[in-house]
C-alpha atoms as a PDB file:
ATOM      1  CA  MET A   1     -51.828 -23.406 -46.999  1.00  0.00           C
ATOM      2  CA  SER A   2     -54.041 -24.236 -49.454  1.00  0.00           C
ATOM      3  CA  THR A   3     -57.677 -24.646 -48.559  1.00  0.00           C
ATOM      4  CA  LEU A   4     -58.750 -27.820 -50.439  1.00  0.00           C
ATOM      5  CA  PRO A   5     -61.403 -30.378 -50.237  1.00  0.00           C
ATOM      6  CA  ALA A   6     -60.784 -32.615 -47.797  1.00  0.00           C
ATOM      7  CA  ASP A   7     -61.225 -35.204 -50.790  1.00  0.00           C
ATOM      8  CA  PHE A   8     -58.914 -33.630 -53.240  1.00  0.00           C
ATOM      9  CA  TRP A   9     -56.404 -35.929 -53.223  1.00  0.00           C
ATOM     10  CA  THR A  10     -58.238 -38.635 -53.018  1.00  0.00           C
ATOM     11  CA  THR A  11     -60.493 -38.096 -55.929  1.00  0.00           C
ATOM     12  CA  LEU A  12     -58.708 -36.371 -58.288  1.00  0.00           C
ATOM     13  CA  PRO A  13     -59.119 -37.839 -62.247  1.00  0.00           C
ATOM     14  CA  LEU A  14     -56.138 -39.334 -62.220  1.00  0.00           C
ATOM     15  CA  GLY A  15     -55.066 -41.330 -65.673  1.00  0.00           C
ATOM     16  CA  ALA A  16     -54.104 -44.827 -66.740  1.00  0.00           C
ATOM     17  CA  GLY A  17     -51.423 -46.190 -64.111  1.00  0.00           C
ATOM     18  CA  VAL A  18     -50.958 -42.562 -62.741  1.00  0.00           C
ATOM     19  CA  GLN A  19     -49.695 -42.524 -58.685  1.00  0.00           C
ATOM     20  CA  LEU A  20     -49.840 -39.738 -56.336  1.00  0.00           C
ATOM     21  CA  LEU A  21     -46.305 -40.057 -54.759  1.00  0.00           C
ATOM     22  CA  THR A  22     -45.759 -37.099 -52.418  1.00  0.00           C
ATOM     23  CA  ARG A  23     -47.930 -34.175 -51.869  1.00  0.00           C
ATOM     24  CA  ASP A  24     -47.072 -31.365 -48.881  1.00  0.00           C
ATOM     25  CA  GLU A  25     -48.679 -29.129 -46.609  1.00  0.00           C
ATOM     26  CA  ASN A  26     -48.950 -26.486 -49.681  1.00  0.00           C
ATOM     27  CA  GLY A  27     -50.552 -28.496 -52.557  1.00  0.00           C
ATOM     28  CA  LEU A  28     -47.537 -29.348 -54.176  1.00  0.00           C
ATOM     29  CA  ALA A  29     -47.482 -33.179 -55.683  1.00  0.00           C
ATOM     30  CA  ALA A  30     -45.468 -35.172 -57.109  1.00  0.00           C
ATOM     31  CA  PHE A  31     -46.582 -38.231 -58.977  1.00  0.00           C
ATOM     32  CA  ASP A  32     -45.477 -41.104 -61.484  1.00  0.00           C
ATOM     33  CA  LYS A  33     -46.277 -41.090 -65.333  1.00  0.00           C
ATOM     34  CA  PRO A  34     -45.923 -44.168 -66.800  1.00  0.00           C
ATOM     35  CA  ALA A  35     -44.671 -44.177 -69.895  1.00  0.00           C
ATOM     36  CA  GLY A  36     -47.493 -43.594 -72.882  1.00  0.00           C
ATOM     37  CA  VAL A  37     -49.237 -40.744 -70.471  1.00  0.00           C
ATOM     38  CA  LEU A  38     -49.357 -37.768 -71.864  1.00  0.00           C
ATOM     39  CA  ALA A  39     -48.232 -34.852 -69.283  1.00  0.00           C
ATOM     40  CA  HIS A  40     -51.466 -32.780 -70.781  1.00  0.00           C
ATOM     41  CA  PRO A  41     -53.987 -34.099 -73.357  1.00  0.00           C
ATOM     42  CA  ASN A  42     -53.110 -31.226 -76.338  1.00  0.00           C
ATOM     43  CA  GLU A  43     -56.958 -31.051 -77.900  1.00  0.00           C
ATOM     44  CA  PRO A  44     -59.777 -32.891 -76.064  1.00  0.00           C
ATOM     45  CA  LYS A  45     -59.484 -36.245 -77.453  1.00  0.00           C
ATOM     46  CA  ASP A  46     -56.397 -36.731 -76.084  1.00  0.00           C
ATOM     47  CA  GLU A  47     -57.612 -36.555 -72.610  1.00  0.00           C
ATOM     48  CA  PRO A  48     -58.380 -40.472 -72.023  1.00  0.00           C
ATOM     49  CA  ARG A  49     -54.600 -40.466 -72.080  1.00  0.00           C
ATOM     50  CA  ALA A  50     -53.468 -37.208 -70.285  1.00  0.00           C
ATOM     51  CA  LEU A  51     -51.863 -37.165 -66.340  1.00  0.00           C
ATOM     52  CA  LEU A  52     -55.776 -36.537 -65.292  1.00  0.00           C
ATOM     53  CA  THR A  53     -58.920 -37.329 -67.605  1.00  0.00           C
ATOM     54  CA  CYS A  54     -60.106 -34.135 -67.586  1.00  0.00           C
ATOM     55  CA  HIS A  55     -60.141 -31.014 -69.319  1.00  0.00           C
ATOM     56  CA  TYR A  56     -56.742 -28.803 -69.298  1.00  0.00           C
ATOM     57  CA  ASP A  57     -56.079 -25.343 -69.971  1.00  0.00           C
ATOM     58  CA  ALA A  58     -53.167 -24.886 -72.070  1.00  0.00           C
ATOM     59  CA  GLU A  59     -53.270 -21.042 -71.441  1.00  0.00           C
ATOM     60  CA  GLY A  60     -52.886 -21.145 -67.525  1.00  0.00           C
ATOM     61  CA  GLU A  61     -51.501 -24.276 -67.371  1.00  0.00           C
ATOM     62  CA  PHE A  62     -54.065 -26.300 -65.743  1.00  0.00           C
ATOM     63  CA  PHE A  63     -56.388 -29.517 -65.344  1.00  0.00           C
ATOM     64  CA  SER A  64     -59.542 -28.747 -64.405  1.00  0.00           C
ATOM     65  CA  TRP A  65     -62.910 -30.644 -63.286  1.00  0.00           C
ATOM     66  CA  ARG A  66     -66.085 -30.445 -60.828  1.00  0.00           C
ATOM     67  CA  ASP A  67     -65.945 -32.189 -57.801  1.00  0.00           C
ATOM     68  CA  ALA A  68     -69.006 -34.367 -56.302  1.00  0.00           C
ATOM     69  CA  ALA A  69     -70.432 -31.086 -54.875  1.00  0.00           C
ATOM     70  CA  ASN A  70     -70.253 -29.618 -58.491  1.00  0.00           C
ATOM     71  CA  VAL A  71     -67.510 -27.402 -58.078  1.00  0.00           C
ATOM     72  CA  GLU A  72     -64.889 -26.966 -60.195  1.00  0.00           C
ATOM     73  CA  GLN A  73     -61.184 -28.010 -58.474  1.00  0.00           C
ATOM     74  CA  ARG A  74     -58.270 -27.161 -60.855  1.00  0.00           C
ATOM     75  CA  LEU A  75     -54.324 -28.608 -60.600  1.00  0.00           C
ATOM     76  CA  TYR A  76     -51.729 -26.657 -62.222  1.00  0.00           C
ATOM     77  CA  LEU A  77     -48.936 -28.339 -64.025  1.00  0.00           C
ATOM     78  CA  LEU A  78     -45.452 -27.801 -62.912  1.00  0.00           C
ATOM     79  CA  ASN A  79     -43.312 -29.329 -65.206  1.00  0.00           C
ATOM     80  CA  ARG A  80     -43.207 -31.658 -68.442  1.00  0.00           C
ATOM     81  CA  LEU A  81     -42.052 -35.142 -69.399  1.00  0.00           C
ATOM     82  CA  ASP A  82     -42.343 -36.657 -72.965  1.00  0.00           C
ATOM     83  CA  SER A  83     -44.827 -38.857 -73.349  1.00  0.00           C
ATOM     84  CA  ALA A  84     -42.350 -41.648 -74.121  1.00  0.00           C
ATOM     85  CA  THR A  85     -40.640 -40.828 -70.292  1.00  0.00           C
ATOM     86  CA  SER A  86     -41.903 -42.139 -66.833  1.00  0.00           C
ATOM     87  CA  GLY A  87     -41.177 -40.718 -63.856  1.00  0.00           C
ATOM     88  CA  VAL A  88     -41.487 -37.941 -61.413  1.00  0.00           C
ATOM     89  CA  ILE A  89     -43.938 -35.285 -62.596  1.00  0.00           C
ATOM     90  CA  LEU A  90     -45.071 -32.169 -60.305  1.00  0.00           C
ATOM     91  CA  THR A  91     -48.471 -29.661 -59.589  1.00  0.00           C
ATOM     92  CA  ALA A  92     -49.734 -27.422 -57.339  1.00  0.00           C
ATOM     93  CA  ALA A  93     -52.925 -27.372 -56.375  1.00  0.00           C
ATOM     94  CA  SER A  94     -52.897 -23.508 -56.283  1.00  0.00           C
ATOM     95  CA  LYS A  95     -52.413 -21.113 -58.846  1.00  0.00           C
ATOM     96  CA  ALA A  96     -50.383 -18.551 -56.203  1.00  0.00           C
ATOM     97  CA  LEU A  97     -48.457 -21.600 -55.171  1.00  0.00           C
ATOM     98  CA  ALA A  98     -47.825 -22.520 -58.771  1.00  0.00           C
ATOM     99  CA  GLU A  99     -46.746 -18.865 -60.019  1.00  0.00           C
ATOM    100  CA  GLU A 100     -44.308 -19.094 -57.094  1.00  0.00           C
ATOM    101  CA  ILE A 101     -42.846 -22.326 -58.174  1.00  0.00           C
ATOM    102  CA  LYS A 102     -42.699 -21.583 -61.484  1.00  0.00           C
ATOM    103  CA  LYS A 103     -41.103 -18.129 -60.869  1.00  0.00           C
ATOM    104  CA  GLN A 104     -37.673 -20.102 -58.791  1.00  0.00           C
ATOM    105  CA  PHE A 105     -37.147 -22.766 -61.263  1.00  0.00           C
ATOM    106  CA  ALA A 106     -34.796 -21.911 -64.332  1.00  0.00           C
ATOM    107  CA  LYS A 107     -36.383 -20.074 -67.286  1.00  0.00           C
ATOM    108  CA  LYS A 108     -34.918 -22.183 -70.061  1.00  0.00           C
ATOM    109  CA  GLN A 109     -36.640 -25.211 -70.542  1.00  0.00           C
ATOM    110  CA  VAL A 110     -33.795 -28.166 -70.834  1.00  0.00           C
ATOM    111  CA  LYS A 111     -34.526 -30.639 -73.833  1.00  0.00           C
ATOM    112  CA  LEU A 112     -32.150 -33.322 -71.826  1.00  0.00           C
ATOM    113  CA  ARG A 113     -33.259 -35.598 -75.422  1.00  0.00           C
ATOM    114  CA  VAL A 114     -31.191 -32.799 -77.543  1.00  0.00           C
ATOM    115  CA  GLN A 115     -28.097 -32.153 -75.045  1.00  0.00           C
ATOM    116  CA  CYS A 116     -27.435 -35.970 -74.428  1.00  0.00           C
ATOM    117  CA  ALA A 117     -27.631 -36.862 -78.505  1.00  0.00           C
ATOM    118  CA  THR A 118     -25.056 -33.721 -79.101  1.00  0.00           C
ATOM    119  CA  ARG A 119     -22.319 -34.720 -76.852  1.00  0.00           C
ATOM    120  CA  HIS A 120     -23.193 -38.351 -78.182  1.00  0.00           C
ATOM    121  CA  LEU A 121     -24.248 -39.830 -75.365  1.00  0.00           C
ATOM    122  CA  PRO A 122     -28.176 -40.675 -77.318  1.00  0.00           C
ATOM    123  CA  ILE A 123     -30.432 -42.109 -74.837  1.00  0.00           C
ATOM    124  CA  VAL A 124     -31.262 -45.963 -75.347  1.00  0.00           C
ATOM    125  CA  GLY A 125     -35.323 -46.186 -77.577  1.00  0.00           C
ATOM    126  CA  ASP A 126     -34.509 -42.609 -78.449  1.00  0.00           C
ATOM    127  CA  GLN A 127     -36.577 -42.730 -81.581  1.00  0.00           C
ATOM    128  CA  ASN A 128     -35.920 -39.110 -82.900  1.00  0.00           C
ATOM    129  CA  TYR A 129     -32.140 -37.873 -81.535  1.00  0.00           C
ATOM    130  CA  GLY A 130     -30.921 -41.597 -80.405  1.00  0.00           C
ATOM    131  CA  ASN A 131     -28.329 -43.977 -81.881  1.00  0.00           C
ATOM    132  CA  PHE A 132     -30.817 -46.198 -84.334  1.00  0.00           C
ATOM    133  CA  ASN A 133     -28.612 -49.274 -84.937  1.00  0.00           C
ATOM    134  CA  LEU A 134     -27.724 -49.217 -81.399  1.00  0.00           C
ATOM    135  CA  ASN A 135     -31.649 -48.794 -80.519  1.00  0.00           C
ATOM    136  CA  ARG A 136     -32.976 -51.670 -82.528  1.00  0.00           C
ATOM    137  CA  THR A 137     -29.748 -54.558 -81.232  1.00  0.00           C
ATOM    138  CA  PHE A 138     -31.553 -53.173 -77.694  1.00  0.00           C
ATOM    139  CA  ALA A 139     -34.674 -54.039 -78.663  1.00  0.00           C
ATOM    140  CA  LYS A 140     -34.071 -57.041 -80.629  1.00  0.00           C
ATOM    141  CA  ALA A 141     -32.037 -58.404 -77.429  1.00  0.00           C
ATOM    142  CA  THR A 142     -34.812 -57.090 -74.974  1.00  0.00           C
ATOM    143  CA  GLN A 143     -38.044 -57.535 -76.952  1.00  0.00           C
ATOM    144  CA  ASN A 144     -38.721 -53.937 -75.554  1.00  0.00           C
ATOM    145  CA  LYS A 145     -38.889 -50.753 -77.841  1.00  0.00           C
ATOM    146  CA  ARG A 146     -39.422 -47.693 -74.959  1.00  0.00           C
ATOM    147  CA  LEU A 147     -37.562 -44.980 -74.317  1.00  0.00           C
ATOM    148  CA  PHE A 148     -35.081 -45.498 -71.460  1.00  0.00           C
ATOM    149  CA  LEU A 149     -35.661 -42.004 -69.634  1.00  0.00           C
ATOM    150  CA  HIS A 150     -36.904 -41.938 -66.442  1.00  0.00           C
ATOM    151  CA  SER A 151     -37.619 -38.922 -63.821  1.00  0.00           C
ATOM    152  CA  LEU A 152     -36.377 -41.014 -60.342  1.00  0.00           C
ATOM    153  CA  ASP A 153     -35.927 -38.039 -58.033  1.00  0.00           C
ATOM    154  CA  THR A 154     -36.513 -34.615 -58.015  1.00  0.00           C
ATOM    155  CA  SER A 155     -35.696 -32.871 -54.901  1.00  0.00           C
ATOM    156  CA  PHE A 156     -35.597 -28.969 -53.810  1.00  0.00           C
ATOM    157  CA  SER A 157     -36.584 -26.077 -51.431  1.00  0.00           C
ATOM    158  CA  TYR A 158     -39.170 -23.207 -52.536  1.00  0.00           C
ATOM    159  CA  ASP A 159     -40.048 -20.203 -51.149  1.00  0.00           C
ATOM    160  CA  PHE A 160     -43.725 -19.909 -49.960  1.00  0.00           C
ATOM    161  CA  ALA A 161     -45.934 -17.732 -48.027  1.00  0.00           C
ATOM    162  CA  GLY A 162     -42.792 -16.310 -45.843  1.00  0.00           C
ATOM    163  CA  ARG A 163     -40.751 -19.760 -45.261  1.00  0.00           C
ATOM    164  CA  THR A 164     -38.699 -22.301 -47.138  1.00  0.00           C
ATOM    165  CA  PHE A 165     -40.057 -25.651 -47.320  1.00  0.00           C
ATOM    166  CA  ALA A 166     -37.860 -28.504 -48.826  1.00  0.00           C
ATOM    167  CA  PHE A 167     -39.857 -31.578 -51.444  1.00  0.00           C
ATOM    168  CA  LYS A 168     -38.626 -34.656 -51.896  1.00  0.00           C
ATOM    169  CA  ALA A 169     -39.666 -37.184 -54.716  1.00  0.00           C
ATOM    170  CA  HIS A 170     -39.208 -40.645 -55.877  1.00  0.00           C
ATOM    171  CA  ALA A 171     -40.434 -42.491 -58.798  1.00  0.00           C
ATOM    172  CA  PRO A 172     -39.292 -46.172 -58.781  1.00  0.00           C
ATOM    173  CA  LEU A 173     -37.872 -47.924 -62.034  1.00  0.00           C
ATOM    174  CA  PRO A 174     -40.860 -49.252 -63.926  1.00  0.00           C
ATOM    175  CA  ARG A 175     -40.268 -53.046 -64.419  1.00  0.00           C
ATOM    176  CA  ASP A 176     -39.042 -52.771 -67.938  1.00  0.00           C
ATOM    177  CA  PHE A 177     -35.997 -50.731 -66.500  1.00  0.00           C
ATOM    178  CA  THR A 178     -35.261 -53.970 -64.447  1.00  0.00           C
ATOM    179  CA  SER A 179     -36.061 -56.665 -66.178  1.00  0.00           C
ATOM    180  CA  ALA A 180     -33.529 -55.474 -69.435  1.00  0.00           C
ATOM    181  CA  HIS A 181     -30.184 -56.208 -68.941  1.00  0.00           C
END
């Protein structure tokens, strides 16, 4: 179990539209990341557009900020979503938990957009790997040019501190997904 300040989860410097979906007793948390928000800033000028609007340490893969008592707080990023992708993104409130979960995840990064394009299953609105004619037709018909890729559900079990825990998170579909038909 983590020893976090009582107000840790309610005082996070969340980015625009980012919402906490769920968290567990160990400090594993899932957020709903809107399209257009960066999983992490690539440089300081990107901080206002990121999941958390604070410093990001790329080497340690964590966000850091000072709380009201001027104590440094950290939140570790466990996975990434492209800025155009919305949905569930995972974090951990401690380095030990982050390291343990990352160790249990597959080491290989999956580039879903590339895999779909390779299999001739392009994602609607994908400006890099998609079917460009289909994207134009869809955008004209719906007035929506966004990437239609959303991390809807995440569920897995993980081992930590000698026990096994189940974790599940659901990020509702964005309105523009349900209105574009």
